[in-house]
Protein backbone atom coordinates (compact mmCIF):
# COMPACT_ATOMS: atom_id res chain seq x y z
CA UNK A 1 -23.51 -62.20 -67.69
CA UNK A 2 -25.61 -60.86 -70.55
CA UNK A 3 -23.79 -59.42 -73.56
CA UNK A 4 -23.55 -55.64 -73.00
CA UNK A 5 -24.20 -54.72 -76.66
CA UNK A 6 -27.27 -56.98 -76.84
CA UNK A 7 -28.57 -55.65 -73.54
CA UNK A 8 -28.19 -52.02 -74.61
CA UNK A 9 -30.07 -52.66 -77.85
CA UNK A 10 -32.89 -54.53 -76.10
CA UNK A 11 -33.15 -51.83 -73.43
CA UNK A 12 -33.61 -49.23 -76.14
CA UNK A 13 -36.30 -51.43 -77.67
CA UNK A 14 -38.10 -51.52 -74.29
CA UNK A 15 -37.84 -47.74 -73.91
CA UNK A 16 -39.44 -47.26 -77.31
CA UNK A 17 -42.19 -49.81 -76.67
CA UNK A 18 -43.11 -48.42 -73.25
CA UNK A 19 -42.84 -44.68 -73.89
CA UNK A 20 -46.09 -42.74 -73.44
CA UNK A 21 -46.43 -39.19 -74.74
CA UNK A 22 -46.88 -36.92 -71.67
CA UNK A 23 -49.60 -34.99 -73.51
CA UNK A 24 -51.79 -38.09 -73.39
CA UNK A 25 -51.94 -37.90 -69.59
CA UNK A 26 -53.44 -34.43 -69.91
CA UNK A 27 -55.73 -35.47 -72.75
CA UNK A 28 -57.30 -38.28 -70.75
CA UNK A 29 -57.11 -36.43 -67.40
CA UNK A 30 -54.98 -39.16 -65.84
CA UNK A 31 -53.97 -38.38 -62.25
CA UNK A 32 -50.30 -39.30 -62.44
CA UNK A 33 -49.02 -40.53 -59.09
CA UNK A 34 -52.63 -40.27 -57.85
CA UNK A 35 -52.06 -36.50 -57.73
CA UNK A 36 -54.33 -33.68 -58.81
CA UNK A 37 -52.95 -30.99 -61.11
CA UNK A 38 -52.09 -28.78 -58.11
CA UNK A 39 -50.05 -31.56 -56.49
CA UNK A 40 -52.63 -32.53 -53.90
CA UNK A 41 -53.46 -36.19 -53.45
CA UNK A 42 -56.46 -37.82 -55.10
CA UNK A 43 -58.90 -38.89 -52.39
CA UNK A 44 -58.93 -42.72 -52.44
CA UNK A 45 -59.82 -43.70 -48.89
CA UNK A 46 -60.81 -42.84 -45.34
CA UNK A 47 -58.72 -43.38 -42.22
CA UNK A 48 -58.96 -43.02 -38.45
CA UNK A 49 -55.23 -43.39 -37.86
CA UNK A 50 -53.35 -40.23 -38.88
CA UNK A 51 -53.60 -36.98 -40.76
CA UNK A 52 -51.11 -34.63 -42.39
CA UNK A 53 -52.41 -31.06 -42.49
CA UNK A 54 -50.55 -28.45 -44.52
CA UNK A 55 -53.17 -26.59 -46.52
CA UNK A 56 -56.90 -25.95 -46.76
CA UNK A 57 -59.15 -25.68 -49.81
CA UNK A 58 -60.87 -22.28 -49.82
CA UNK A 59 -63.51 -21.92 -52.58
CA UNK A 60 -61.55 -24.35 -54.74
CA UNK A 61 -58.22 -22.61 -54.08
CA UNK A 62 -55.44 -24.25 -52.11
CA UNK A 63 -54.37 -22.02 -49.19
CA UNK A 64 -51.17 -22.73 -47.25
CA UNK A 65 -51.27 -23.09 -43.46
CA UNK A 66 -48.64 -24.06 -40.86
CA UNK A 67 -48.16 -27.83 -40.89
CA UNK A 68 -49.75 -30.11 -38.31
CA UNK A 69 -49.52 -33.87 -37.82
CA UNK A 70 -52.16 -35.83 -35.94
CA UNK A 71 -52.03 -39.37 -34.55
CA UNK A 72 -55.54 -40.71 -33.86
CA UNK A 73 -56.71 -37.10 -33.61
CA UNK A 74 -53.97 -36.01 -31.17
CA UNK A 75 -51.47 -33.39 -32.33
CA UNK A 76 -48.00 -34.95 -32.34
CA UNK A 77 -46.67 -31.70 -30.83
CA UNK A 78 -48.71 -32.44 -27.70
CA UNK A 79 -47.31 -35.97 -27.53
CA UNK A 80 -43.74 -34.69 -27.79
CA UNK A 81 -44.38 -31.89 -25.27
CA UNK A 82 -45.74 -34.42 -22.74
CA UNK A 83 -42.71 -36.67 -23.20
CA UNK A 84 -40.40 -33.73 -22.56
CA UNK A 85 -42.41 -32.44 -19.59
CA UNK A 86 -42.58 -35.86 -17.93
CA UNK A 87 -38.97 -36.80 -18.76
CA UNK A 88 -39.82 -40.08 -20.44
CA UNK A 89 -39.47 -41.85 -23.78
CA UNK A 90 -42.51 -41.53 -26.01
CA UNK A 91 -42.27 -44.05 -28.84
CA UNK A 92 -43.86 -46.92 -26.92
CA UNK A 93 -46.86 -44.79 -25.92
CA UNK A 94 -47.13 -43.54 -29.50
CA UNK A 95 -47.13 -47.12 -30.80
CA UNK A 96 -49.94 -48.02 -28.37
CA UNK A 97 -51.98 -45.00 -29.50
CA UNK A 98 -51.59 -45.79 -33.19
CA UNK A 99 -52.37 -49.47 -32.77
CA UNK A 100 -55.29 -49.30 -30.34
CA UNK A 101 -56.73 -45.83 -31.00
CA UNK A 102 -56.45 -44.43 -27.47
CA UNK A 103 -53.70 -43.39 -25.07
CA UNK A 104 -52.86 -46.01 -22.43
CA UNK A 105 -53.30 -45.41 -18.72
CA UNK A 106 -50.28 -45.88 -16.44
CA UNK A 107 -50.89 -49.60 -15.87
CA UNK A 108 -51.60 -50.29 -19.54
CA UNK A 109 -48.42 -48.48 -20.57
CA UNK A 110 -46.29 -50.55 -18.16
CA UNK A 111 -47.85 -53.79 -19.43
CA UNK A 112 -47.38 -52.66 -23.05
CA UNK A 113 -43.70 -51.87 -22.53
CA UNK A 114 -43.19 -55.24 -20.83
CA UNK A 115 -44.88 -57.00 -23.73
CA UNK A 116 -42.65 -55.26 -26.29
CA UNK A 117 -39.60 -56.02 -24.13
CA UNK A 118 -40.51 -59.71 -24.08
CA UNK A 119 -40.88 -60.00 -27.86
CA UNK A 120 -37.77 -57.95 -28.70
CA UNK A 121 -35.55 -60.95 -28.11
CA UNK A 122 -35.19 -63.17 -31.17
CA UNK A 123 -34.82 -66.95 -31.00
CA UNK A 124 -31.42 -68.38 -31.89
CA UNK A 125 -32.90 -70.28 -34.82
CA UNK A 126 -34.48 -67.16 -36.27
CA UNK A 127 -31.32 -65.08 -35.80
CA UNK A 128 -29.15 -67.65 -37.53
CA UNK A 129 -31.44 -68.53 -40.43
CA UNK A 130 -33.20 -65.25 -41.13
CA UNK A 131 -30.36 -62.78 -40.56
CA UNK A 132 -26.89 -64.32 -40.25
CA UNK A 133 -26.97 -66.75 -43.18
CA UNK A 134 -26.21 -65.01 -46.48
CA UNK A 135 -26.53 -61.50 -45.02
CA UNK A 136 -27.65 -58.81 -47.42
CA UNK A 137 -25.50 -55.81 -48.36
CA UNK A 138 -28.62 -53.67 -47.96
CA UNK A 139 -30.27 -53.65 -44.53
CA UNK A 140 -33.73 -52.80 -45.87
CA UNK A 141 -33.61 -55.93 -48.01
CA UNK A 142 -32.36 -57.85 -44.98
CA UNK A 143 -35.31 -56.61 -42.91
CA UNK A 144 -37.79 -57.55 -45.63
CA UNK A 145 -36.28 -61.02 -45.93
CA UNK A 146 -36.35 -61.53 -42.16
CA UNK A 147 -40.01 -60.46 -42.04
CA UNK A 148 -40.87 -62.99 -44.75
CA UNK A 149 -38.85 -65.60 -42.87
CA UNK A 150 -40.96 -64.91 -39.76
CA UNK A 151 -43.86 -66.58 -41.61
CA UNK A 152 -42.18 -69.95 -40.96
CA UNK A 153 -41.83 -69.13 -37.25
CA UNK A 154 -45.43 -68.00 -36.81
CA UNK A 155 -46.92 -69.57 -33.69
CA UNK A 156 -50.02 -71.71 -34.08
CA UNK A 157 -49.37 -72.75 -37.69
CA UNK A 158 -51.90 -70.19 -38.94
CA UNK A 159 -49.78 -67.45 -40.55
CA UNK A 160 -52.42 -66.86 -43.24
CA UNK A 161 -55.17 -66.15 -40.70
CA UNK A 162 -56.49 -62.61 -41.35
CA UNK A 163 -58.71 -62.36 -38.27
CA UNK A 164 -58.11 -59.18 -36.28
CA UNK A 165 -57.12 -61.23 -33.22
CA UNK A 166 -54.41 -63.04 -35.18
CA UNK A 167 -53.31 -59.88 -36.98
CA UNK A 168 -53.00 -58.01 -33.69
CA UNK A 169 -50.90 -60.80 -32.19
CA UNK A 170 -48.62 -60.86 -35.25
CA UNK A 171 -48.41 -57.05 -35.27
CA UNK A 172 -47.24 -56.84 -31.65
CA UNK A 173 -44.52 -59.42 -32.25
CA UNK A 174 -43.27 -57.65 -35.39
CA UNK A 175 -43.36 -54.15 -33.84
CA UNK A 176 -41.17 -55.49 -31.03
CA UNK A 177 -38.86 -57.57 -33.22
CA UNK A 178 -38.06 -55.23 -36.13
CA UNK A 179 -35.76 -52.91 -34.11
CA UNK A 180 -33.71 -55.96 -33.11
CA UNK A 181 -33.79 -57.33 -36.65
CA UNK A 182 -32.48 -54.01 -38.02
CA UNK A 183 -29.65 -53.87 -35.46
CA UNK A 184 -28.60 -57.49 -36.08
CA UNK A 185 -28.79 -57.04 -39.86
CA UNK A 186 -26.41 -54.10 -39.51
CA UNK A 187 -24.00 -56.17 -37.40
CA UNK A 188 -24.14 -59.01 -39.93
CA UNK A 189 -23.35 -56.65 -42.81
CA UNK A 190 -20.52 -55.06 -40.84
CA UNK A 191 -18.97 -58.46 -40.18
CA UNK A 192 -19.53 -60.36 -43.42
CA UNK A 193 -19.23 -57.54 -45.96
CA UNK A 194 -16.92 -55.03 -44.23
CA UNK A 195 -14.66 -57.26 -42.15
CA UNK A 196 -15.78 -55.96 -38.76
CA UNK A 197 -16.22 -57.95 -35.58
CA UNK A 198 -19.49 -59.83 -35.17
CA UNK A 199 -21.06 -58.39 -32.05
CA UNK A 200 -24.48 -59.68 -31.08
CA UNK A 201 -25.95 -58.95 -27.66
CA UNK A 202 -29.48 -59.47 -26.42
CA UNK A 203 -31.82 -56.48 -26.12
CA UNK A 204 -32.67 -55.28 -22.63
CA UNK A 205 -36.43 -55.75 -22.00
CA UNK A 206 -36.41 -52.92 -19.46
CA UNK A 207 -35.00 -50.32 -21.83
CA UNK A 208 -36.83 -48.27 -24.44
CA UNK A 209 -36.82 -48.99 -28.16
CA UNK A 210 -34.43 -46.08 -28.78
CA UNK A 211 -32.02 -47.16 -26.02
CA UNK A 212 -31.97 -50.73 -27.29
CA UNK A 213 -31.27 -49.76 -30.89
CA UNK A 214 -28.30 -47.57 -29.96
CA UNK A 215 -26.96 -50.14 -27.53
CA UNK A 216 -27.22 -53.02 -30.04
CA UNK A 217 -25.35 -51.21 -32.83
CA UNK A 218 -22.48 -49.93 -30.66
CA UNK A 219 -19.45 -51.93 -29.69
CA UNK A 220 -19.43 -50.63 -26.12
CA UNK A 221 -23.23 -50.54 -25.86
CA UNK A 222 -23.11 -47.13 -24.16
CA UNK A 223 -25.85 -44.57 -24.79
CA UNK A 224 -26.15 -41.01 -23.47
CA UNK A 225 -29.45 -39.55 -22.34
CA UNK A 226 -29.56 -36.87 -25.06
CA UNK A 227 -28.83 -39.46 -27.75
CA UNK A 228 -31.61 -41.79 -26.57
CA UNK A 229 -34.03 -38.86 -26.28
CA UNK A 230 -33.18 -37.68 -29.79
CA UNK A 231 -33.62 -41.09 -31.40
CA UNK A 232 -36.86 -41.58 -29.47
CA UNK A 233 -38.13 -38.27 -30.85
CA UNK A 234 -37.17 -39.32 -34.39
CA UNK A 235 -39.09 -42.58 -33.95
CA UNK A 236 -42.17 -40.73 -32.70
CA UNK A 237 -42.07 -38.27 -35.61
CA UNK A 238 -41.63 -41.00 -38.24
CA UNK A 239 -44.24 -43.38 -36.81
CA UNK A 240 -47.20 -42.27 -38.96
CA UNK A 241 -47.92 -39.93 -41.85
CA UNK A 242 -51.41 -40.66 -43.12
CA UNK A 243 -52.69 -43.50 -45.28
CA UNK A 244 -51.60 -41.92 -48.55
CA UNK A 245 -47.82 -42.02 -48.13
CA UNK A 246 -46.29 -44.57 -50.48
CA UNK A 247 -45.46 -47.32 -47.98
CA UNK A 248 -48.73 -47.06 -46.01
CA UNK A 249 -50.72 -47.04 -49.25
CA UNK A 250 -48.73 -50.13 -50.21
CA UNK A 251 -50.00 -51.70 -46.98
CA UNK A 252 -53.59 -50.97 -47.98
CA UNK A 253 -53.08 -52.25 -51.54
CA UNK A 254 -51.38 -55.51 -50.55
CA UNK A 255 -53.69 -56.15 -47.59
CA UNK A 256 -56.75 -55.69 -49.80
CA UNK A 257 -55.75 -58.92 -51.60
CA UNK A 258 -56.10 -60.74 -48.22
CA UNK A 259 -52.49 -61.89 -48.19
CA UNK A 260 -50.64 -62.57 -44.90
CA UNK A 261 -49.16 -59.87 -42.67
CA UNK A 262 -45.56 -60.83 -43.43
CA UNK A 263 -46.03 -60.29 -47.17
CA UNK A 264 -47.76 -56.98 -46.44
CA UNK A 265 -45.04 -55.67 -44.11
CA UNK A 266 -42.23 -56.78 -46.43
CA UNK A 267 -43.86 -54.96 -49.34
CA UNK A 268 -44.14 -51.78 -47.27
CA UNK A 269 -40.49 -52.03 -46.17
CA UNK A 270 -39.37 -52.30 -49.79
CA UNK A 271 -41.57 -49.36 -50.78
CA UNK A 272 -39.99 -47.29 -48.02
CA UNK A 273 -36.52 -48.25 -49.26
CA UNK A 274 -36.88 -46.03 -52.34
CA UNK A 275 -34.90 -42.80 -52.52
CA UNK A 276 -38.12 -40.84 -53.11
CA UNK A 277 -39.53 -42.08 -49.81
CA UNK A 278 -37.56 -43.40 -46.82
CA UNK A 279 -34.21 -42.95 -48.53
CA UNK A 280 -34.68 -39.20 -48.98
CA UNK A 281 -32.42 -38.21 -46.08
CA UNK A 282 -29.54 -40.02 -47.78
CA UNK A 283 -30.03 -37.71 -50.77
CA UNK A 284 -29.84 -34.78 -48.36
CA UNK A 285 -26.62 -36.09 -46.81
CA UNK A 286 -24.98 -36.62 -50.21
CA UNK A 287 -25.87 -33.11 -51.27
CA UNK A 288 -24.74 -31.68 -47.94
CA UNK A 289 -21.37 -33.37 -48.33
CA UNK A 290 -20.93 -31.69 -51.71
CA UNK A 291 -21.93 -28.31 -50.28
CA UNK A 292 -19.47 -28.67 -47.40
CA UNK A 293 -16.69 -29.55 -49.83
CA UNK A 294 -17.36 -26.55 -52.09
CA UNK A 295 -18.34 -23.79 -49.65
CA UNK A 296 -15.18 -22.63 -47.87
CA UNK A 297 -16.87 -20.71 -45.07
CA UNK A 298 -20.04 -22.46 -43.84
CA UNK A 299 -20.95 -19.41 -41.75
CA UNK A 300 -20.84 -17.07 -44.77
CA UNK A 301 -24.42 -16.54 -45.91
CA UNK A 302 -23.44 -15.21 -49.34
CA UNK A 303 -21.21 -18.19 -50.12
CA UNK A 304 -23.92 -20.64 -49.12
CA UNK A 305 -26.54 -18.75 -51.12
CA UNK A 306 -24.34 -18.73 -54.23
CA UNK A 307 -23.81 -22.49 -54.12
CA UNK A 308 -27.50 -23.21 -53.53
CA UNK A 309 -28.21 -21.08 -56.62
CA UNK A 310 -25.80 -23.27 -58.63
CA UNK A 311 -27.69 -26.37 -57.45
CA UNK A 312 -31.04 -24.81 -58.38
CA UNK A 313 -29.64 -23.85 -61.81
CA UNK A 314 -28.53 -27.47 -62.43
CA UNK A 315 -24.87 -26.45 -62.41
CA UNK A 316 -24.06 -28.40 -59.24
CA UNK A 317 -25.46 -31.26 -57.20
CA UNK A 318 -26.97 -34.09 -59.22
CA UNK A 319 -28.08 -31.60 -61.91
CA UNK A 320 -31.75 -32.18 -61.09
CA UNK A 321 -32.21 -28.58 -59.88
CA UNK A 322 -33.56 -29.88 -56.58
CA UNK A 323 -32.35 -28.71 -53.18
CA UNK A 324 -32.96 -31.81 -51.12
CA UNK A 325 -34.52 -31.37 -47.70
CA UNK A 326 -36.81 -28.59 -48.94
CA UNK A 327 -40.40 -28.96 -50.11
CA UNK A 328 -43.14 -31.47 -49.37
CA UNK A 329 -46.25 -32.82 -51.11
CA UNK A 330 -48.56 -31.66 -48.29
CA UNK A 331 -46.66 -29.32 -45.94
CA UNK A 332 -46.37 -25.76 -47.24
CA UNK A 333 -45.45 -23.16 -44.63
CA UNK A 334 -43.82 -25.61 -42.22
CA UNK A 335 -43.21 -29.29 -41.49
CA UNK A 336 -43.80 -29.79 -37.73
CA UNK A 337 -41.47 -32.80 -37.70
CA UNK A 338 -38.60 -30.69 -39.05
CA UNK A 339 -39.21 -28.00 -36.44
CA UNK A 340 -39.15 -30.43 -33.52
CA UNK A 341 -36.14 -32.35 -34.79
CA UNK A 342 -34.31 -29.08 -35.40
CA UNK A 343 -34.54 -28.21 -31.70
CA UNK A 344 -32.78 -31.46 -30.83
CA UNK A 345 -30.24 -30.88 -33.58
CA UNK A 346 -29.33 -27.49 -32.08
CA UNK A 347 -28.73 -29.07 -28.67
CA UNK A 348 -26.73 -31.96 -30.09
CA UNK A 349 -24.63 -29.61 -32.25
CA UNK A 350 -23.64 -27.62 -29.16
CA UNK A 351 -22.75 -30.80 -27.30
CA UNK A 352 -20.77 -32.28 -30.21
CA UNK A 353 -19.02 -29.04 -31.23
CA UNK A 354 -20.69 -28.89 -34.64
CA UNK A 355 -22.38 -25.52 -34.39
CA UNK A 356 -20.88 -24.18 -37.65
CA UNK A 357 -22.33 -27.15 -39.49
CA UNK A 358 -25.68 -26.56 -37.83
CA UNK A 359 -25.57 -22.97 -39.04
CA UNK A 360 -25.07 -24.29 -42.58
CA UNK A 361 -28.26 -26.36 -42.33
CA UNK A 362 -30.13 -23.33 -41.01
CA UNK A 363 -28.92 -21.21 -43.93
CA UNK A 364 -30.26 -23.82 -46.33
CA UNK A 365 -33.62 -23.78 -44.56
CA UNK A 366 -33.73 -19.96 -44.62
CA UNK A 367 -32.29 -19.25 -48.08
CA UNK A 368 -33.35 -22.26 -50.11
CA UNK A 369 -37.09 -21.53 -50.41
CA UNK A 370 -36.49 -18.07 -51.87
CA UNK A 371 -34.01 -19.46 -54.40
CA UNK A 372 -36.49 -22.11 -55.48
CA UNK A 373 -39.40 -19.69 -55.80
CA UNK A 374 -37.32 -17.14 -57.74
CA UNK A 375 -36.76 -19.79 -60.42
CA UNK A 376 -40.28 -21.16 -60.34
CA UNK A 377 -42.63 -18.15 -60.13
CA UNK A 378 -45.72 -20.37 -59.84
CA UNK A 379 -44.25 -22.42 -57.00
CA UNK A 380 -46.19 -22.36 -53.76
CA UNK A 381 -44.73 -22.08 -50.28
CA UNK A 382 -41.65 -24.24 -49.75
CA UNK A 383 -40.45 -25.30 -46.31
CA UNK A 384 -37.77 -27.50 -44.80
CA UNK A 385 -38.95 -31.09 -44.45
CA UNK A 386 -37.94 -33.64 -41.82
CA UNK A 387 -35.23 -35.11 -44.06
CA UNK A 388 -33.17 -31.90 -43.87
CA UNK A 389 -32.35 -32.52 -40.21
CA UNK A 390 -32.87 -36.26 -39.65
CA UNK A 391 -29.67 -37.37 -41.39
CA UNK A 392 -27.62 -34.69 -39.60
CA UNK A 393 -29.04 -35.76 -36.25
CA UNK A 394 -28.22 -39.41 -36.94
CA UNK A 395 -24.72 -38.45 -38.04
CA UNK A 396 -24.09 -36.52 -34.82
CA UNK A 397 -25.09 -39.62 -32.86
CA UNK A 398 -22.64 -41.75 -34.83
CA UNK A 399 -25.38 -43.80 -36.46
CA UNK A 400 -24.07 -45.23 -39.75
CA UNK A 401 -25.79 -44.22 -43.00
CA UNK A 402 -26.68 -47.87 -43.60
CA UNK A 403 -29.24 -47.51 -40.80
CA UNK A 404 -30.90 -44.22 -41.73
CA UNK A 405 -33.73 -45.75 -43.76
CA UNK A 406 -34.03 -48.88 -41.56
CA UNK A 407 -34.70 -46.60 -38.58
CA UNK A 408 -37.57 -45.13 -40.57
CA UNK A 409 -38.91 -48.66 -41.08
CA UNK A 410 -38.57 -49.40 -37.36
CA UNK A 411 -40.67 -46.34 -36.54
CA UNK A 412 -43.26 -46.82 -39.28
CA UNK A 413 -43.91 -50.54 -38.67
CA UNK A 414 -46.62 -49.81 -36.10
CA UNK A 415 -48.42 -47.56 -38.57
CA UNK A 416 -48.35 -50.24 -41.26
CA UNK A 417 -49.86 -52.71 -38.80
CA UNK A 418 -52.58 -50.23 -37.86
CA UNK A 419 -53.38 -49.49 -41.51
CA UNK A 420 -53.48 -53.22 -42.27
CA UNK A 421 -56.08 -53.84 -39.57
CA UNK A 422 -58.07 -50.81 -40.72
CA UNK A 423 -58.16 -52.26 -44.24
CA UNK A 424 -59.22 -55.69 -42.97
CA UNK A 425 -61.89 -54.36 -40.61
CA UNK A 426 -63.56 -52.24 -43.29
CA UNK A 427 -63.19 -55.00 -45.89
CA UNK A 428 -63.42 -52.94 -49.05
CA UNK A 429 -62.96 -54.50 -52.48
CA UNK A 430 -59.46 -55.35 -53.67
CA UNK A 431 -57.73 -52.12 -54.68
CA UNK A 432 -57.62 -52.02 -58.47
CA UNK A 433 -57.43 -48.63 -60.19
CA UNK A 434 -57.75 -48.52 -63.98
CA UNK A 435 -55.11 -47.93 -66.65
CA UNK A 436 -56.29 -46.73 -70.05
CA UNK A 437 -54.75 -48.64 -72.99
CA UNK A 438 -53.43 -46.35 -75.70
CA UNK A 439 -52.23 -48.93 -78.22
CA UNK A 440 -54.03 -49.76 -81.46
CA UNK A 441 -55.06 -53.38 -82.21
CA UNK A 442 -52.49 -55.20 -84.35
CA UNK A 443 -52.72 -58.44 -86.25
CA UNK A 444 -50.65 -61.41 -85.15
CA UNK A 445 -47.98 -62.13 -87.80
CA UNK A 446 -46.90 -65.72 -88.28
CA UNK A 447 -43.29 -66.44 -87.39
CA UNK A 448 -42.41 -67.33 -90.99
CA UNK A 449 -43.64 -63.95 -92.20
CA UNK A 450 -41.75 -61.72 -89.74
CA UNK A 451 -38.58 -61.41 -91.81
C-alpha cells in the first residue's frame, strides 16, 4: 500500500503538470470530445449500419425534430411494431439485420436462430477457466476478461486472422455467447462475493436471447411472457446507435490498428462500462432512490417539481445540477427508445402494482425539461432519454443492478461486430487524430544540478 501522504502530494503534482487552461481549447479551436461548439458531433466517418436522427441543419442553424433511430435504413419503430403485430421476439432478427445488412426471410431467420442457439452453450473448460476462476466483482470486467480468454479457444488456431470470413465466424460465436457469459458471470459473483448458491444451468437453444437471460439468472428459471417481451424490446432498442457513440467508435479505433476481434470487443465493453455511457441508467436509479426518499407523496406534482428544482440548483442529488435521464447529445424533442420502453413500463407497472412510482417517472419526464431550461436560457430542447425508463423496467422484472450495464453490452455486441467488419472492409488508415502540444521546450538538467 502506497503511503497516503506521499500519494496525495504526487497526485497534486500530476494535476498541476497536466492541467490545461480551458481558454486554450477555444484559442486553437479544439473540438473537445469530438464535438462542435453547438454540441453536435464532428463528422469523422461514414457508416451503412445505423443512424440517430434528432435534428437537422437549416442554413447553418440546428433545428430540433422528433427523434428517429434507423438500423440499416429501417426505422426501429417499424421493427418493434412488426414484432408486436406478429407476436414474436425481435432481437434475433435485429441482430441478423445489423450484421448482414438485410432482413432475413422465414427460412433464414429459423436457421439464424438455430445457429445462435447452438453457440450459446459454453464449453466446460471455458466456463471454468474464463468465468468461474477468480470471478470479478464487476460483471463488465468479467465479460471483458472472458472475451479476451476466448482468444485461446478460437477454432482453427487463427485468432489474429482479420479476413471478413474469419471475422464473421468469430462475430456469430461471440454474439451468441456473450448473453450466457453475462449470466454466468453474475452467478459467479453472487456465489463467490455475496455468499449465494452457485446455480449454473445450460441455455435452451430453442428459446430467445431474452428468455435465456432471464432463465439463467433466476433460481427457479421461470419467465413470464411480458417480462421476456420487455427484455427483448430493451435488447432491440440498445442494439445500435450509430458509429459515433463512445463504444462503437472505440470499435472503429481499435479495429483500425488491425488487432484481433477479441481485443476489439473487450475494449468496447470497457468503454461501455463508464457511467457516462452504458452505466448511465445506474445514475438514474441512484437519483431516483434519493427522490423517492425525500418526496413524501410521489403523486404530488408540486412536491416532485420542488425537489427536481433542488437537484437542478445543486442543492440535492450529487450536486452536479444534472437531472439524470433527461437530455441527449443528438435527440432533442424526443428519444424514440424512451417512448417505446415507456409503453412497456406502463404495462409492467400495472401488473406489478407500481403505478404510483410510474407516475413519479412521468412527472420527471414532464417537469424536468422546463426546470432545466429555466436555469439555462440558451439550452435547446431537452427530452427524456432511454436511461430514464430502462433501469425502472429492469427493476420491475427483478433484474439486479449488477446486470443493467452488462445487458447493454449483450445487446450492443452485434453492432460492434458490424462496425468492426465495416472498418475492415473499407480499410482506412489507422485512426490517429492530432493533439496540439502547448508546452515550451525546456533544457534537460543534470541530476546533480536539480537540488
